[in-house]
Amino acid sequence: MTKYLISFPGEAMVIPEEEFETVVEASHAVIDEAKAAGVYVFGGGITEDVDPVLVAGDGTVTKGTYPGCNVPNGGYAILELPSREAALEWAAKIAVACRCSQELRQFQYDPAS
């Protein structure tokens, strides 16, 4: 089985405030479905009001991210699935629930993880 990252940036999720709770419930329902199917590994949203930092091997902390990289935000789910086709199906379910397109990425195989 392969792990997949399904994600969207915070600015992609544009919904009217009065529909926010409906979207939250729909997205939680898809995650509950993934858990019940035994494919859910981890997920959540990035806290956007806490600035990212870089931590060097010597413990030096620098504000920001790697030069030229975007600050990650939005929502993420990591699912472990048997095929890319299955990952595309789950990404579509999450897209419907969150009302925005999802980016799909595949993790490299690592026997230690």
Protein backbone atom coordinates (compact mmCIF):
# COMPACT_ATOMS: atom_id res chain seq x y z
CA MET A 1 0.00 0.00 0.00
CA THR A 2 1.15 3.53 -0.79
CA LYS A 3 0.64 6.69 1.25
CA TYR A 4 -0.87 9.71 -0.49
CA LEU A 5 -1.08 13.35 0.55
CA ILE A 6 -4.38 15.01 -0.35
CA SER A 7 -4.33 18.74 0.34
CA PHE A 8 -5.57 22.21 -0.50
CA PRO A 9 -4.31 25.72 0.33
CA GLY A 10 -6.42 27.77 2.71
CA GLU A 11 -7.23 30.39 0.08
CA ALA A 12 -8.83 27.73 -2.17
CA MET A 13 -11.65 27.12 0.28
CA VAL A 14 -13.95 30.05 -0.45
CA ILE A 15 -17.38 29.44 1.04
CA PRO A 16 -20.05 31.72 2.49
CA GLU A 17 -19.78 32.01 6.28
CA GLU A 18 -23.29 30.62 6.75
CA GLU A 19 -22.26 27.40 4.96
CA PHE A 20 -19.03 26.87 6.92
CA GLU A 21 -20.51 24.40 9.44
CA THR A 22 -22.06 22.36 6.62
CA VAL A 23 -18.64 22.07 4.96
CA VAL A 24 -17.00 21.13 8.27
CA GLU A 25 -19.58 18.38 8.82
CA ALA A 26 -19.17 17.09 5.26
CA SER A 27 -15.37 17.02 5.51
CA HIS A 28 -15.52 15.24 8.89
CA ALA A 29 -17.90 12.68 7.37
CA VAL A 30 -15.39 11.87 4.60
CA ILE A 31 -12.59 11.51 7.15
CA ASP A 32 -14.82 9.25 9.27
CA GLU A 33 -15.45 7.17 6.14
CA ALA A 34 -11.69 6.92 5.51
CA LYS A 35 -11.14 5.85 9.12
CA ALA A 36 -13.88 3.22 8.86
CA ALA A 37 -12.29 1.94 5.64
CA GLY A 38 -8.94 1.61 7.42
CA VAL A 39 -7.10 3.94 5.01
CA TYR A 40 -6.75 7.06 7.20
CA VAL A 41 -3.23 7.75 8.48
CA PHE A 42 -3.27 11.40 9.57
CA GLY A 43 -4.88 14.70 8.71
CA GLY A 44 -5.66 18.19 9.83
CA GLY A 45 -5.34 21.84 9.06
CA ILE A 46 -2.30 24.06 9.42
CA THR A 47 -2.73 26.76 12.06
CA GLU A 48 -2.29 29.84 9.91
CA ASP A 49 -1.92 32.35 12.74
CA VAL A 50 1.36 30.76 13.92
CA ASP A 51 4.33 31.73 11.75
CA PRO A 52 6.59 28.97 10.41
CA VAL A 53 10.25 28.79 11.38
CA LEU A 54 13.34 26.97 10.12
CA VAL A 55 15.32 25.05 12.73
CA ALA A 56 18.95 24.30 11.87
CA GLY A 57 20.96 21.35 13.11
CA ASP A 58 22.69 23.58 15.67
CA GLY A 59 19.30 24.70 17.03
CA THR A 60 19.31 28.13 15.35
CA VAL A 61 15.74 29.26 14.70
CA THR A 62 14.99 31.54 11.74
CA LYS A 63 11.56 32.99 10.93
CA GLY A 64 10.02 31.86 7.65
CA THR A 65 10.47 28.98 5.25
CA TYR A 66 13.10 27.94 2.74
CA PRO A 67 13.74 30.79 0.28
CA GLY A 68 11.44 30.52 -2.73
CA CYS A 69 9.01 28.12 -1.01
CA ASN A 70 5.40 28.91 -0.31
CA VAL A 71 4.17 28.82 3.25
CA PRO A 72 2.09 25.66 3.61
CA ASN A 73 -1.42 26.24 4.88
CA GLY A 74 -4.89 24.80 4.43
CA GLY A 75 -5.91 21.22 5.02
CA TYR A 76 -4.16 17.89 4.64
CA ALA A 77 -5.02 14.21 4.77
CA ILE A 78 -2.64 11.30 4.45
CA LEU A 79 -4.28 8.09 3.33
CA GLU A 80 -2.73 4.68 2.74
CA LEU A 81 -4.28 3.20 -0.37
CA PRO A 82 -3.82 0.27 -2.75
CA SER A 83 -3.61 2.34 -5.96
CA ARG A 84 -3.44 5.79 -7.50
CA GLU A 85 -6.97 5.24 -8.79
CA ALA A 86 -8.19 4.77 -5.22
CA ALA A 87 -6.31 7.94 -4.21
CA LEU A 88 -8.04 9.87 -7.00
CA GLU A 89 -11.42 8.62 -5.77
CA TRP A 90 -10.71 9.75 -2.19
CA ALA A 91 -9.37 13.11 -3.41
CA ALA A 92 -12.63 13.62 -5.30
CA LYS A 93 -14.67 12.81 -2.17
CA ILE A 94 -12.65 15.33 -0.17
CA ALA A 95 -13.01 17.92 -2.97
CA VAL A 96 -16.79 17.58 -2.84
CA ALA A 97 -16.86 17.88 0.95
CA CYS A 98 -14.48 20.88 1.09
CA ARG A 99 -15.91 22.48 -2.05
CA CYS A 100 -12.47 22.98 -3.60
CA SER A 101 -10.02 21.05 -5.75
CA GLN A 102 -7.48 18.87 -3.99
CA GLU A 103 -3.81 18.35 -4.79
CA LEU A 104 -2.73 14.70 -4.82
CA ARG A 105 0.86 13.66 -4.11
CA GLN A 106 2.36 10.23 -3.63
CA PHE A 107 4.93 9.48 -0.93
CA GLN A 108 8.04 7.56 -1.92
CA TYR A 109 8.22 4.07 -0.51
CA ASP A 110 10.29 3.90 2.68
CA PRO A 111 10.47 0.50 4.38
CA ALA A 112 11.19 2.22 7.72
CA SER A 113 7.93 4.18 7.75
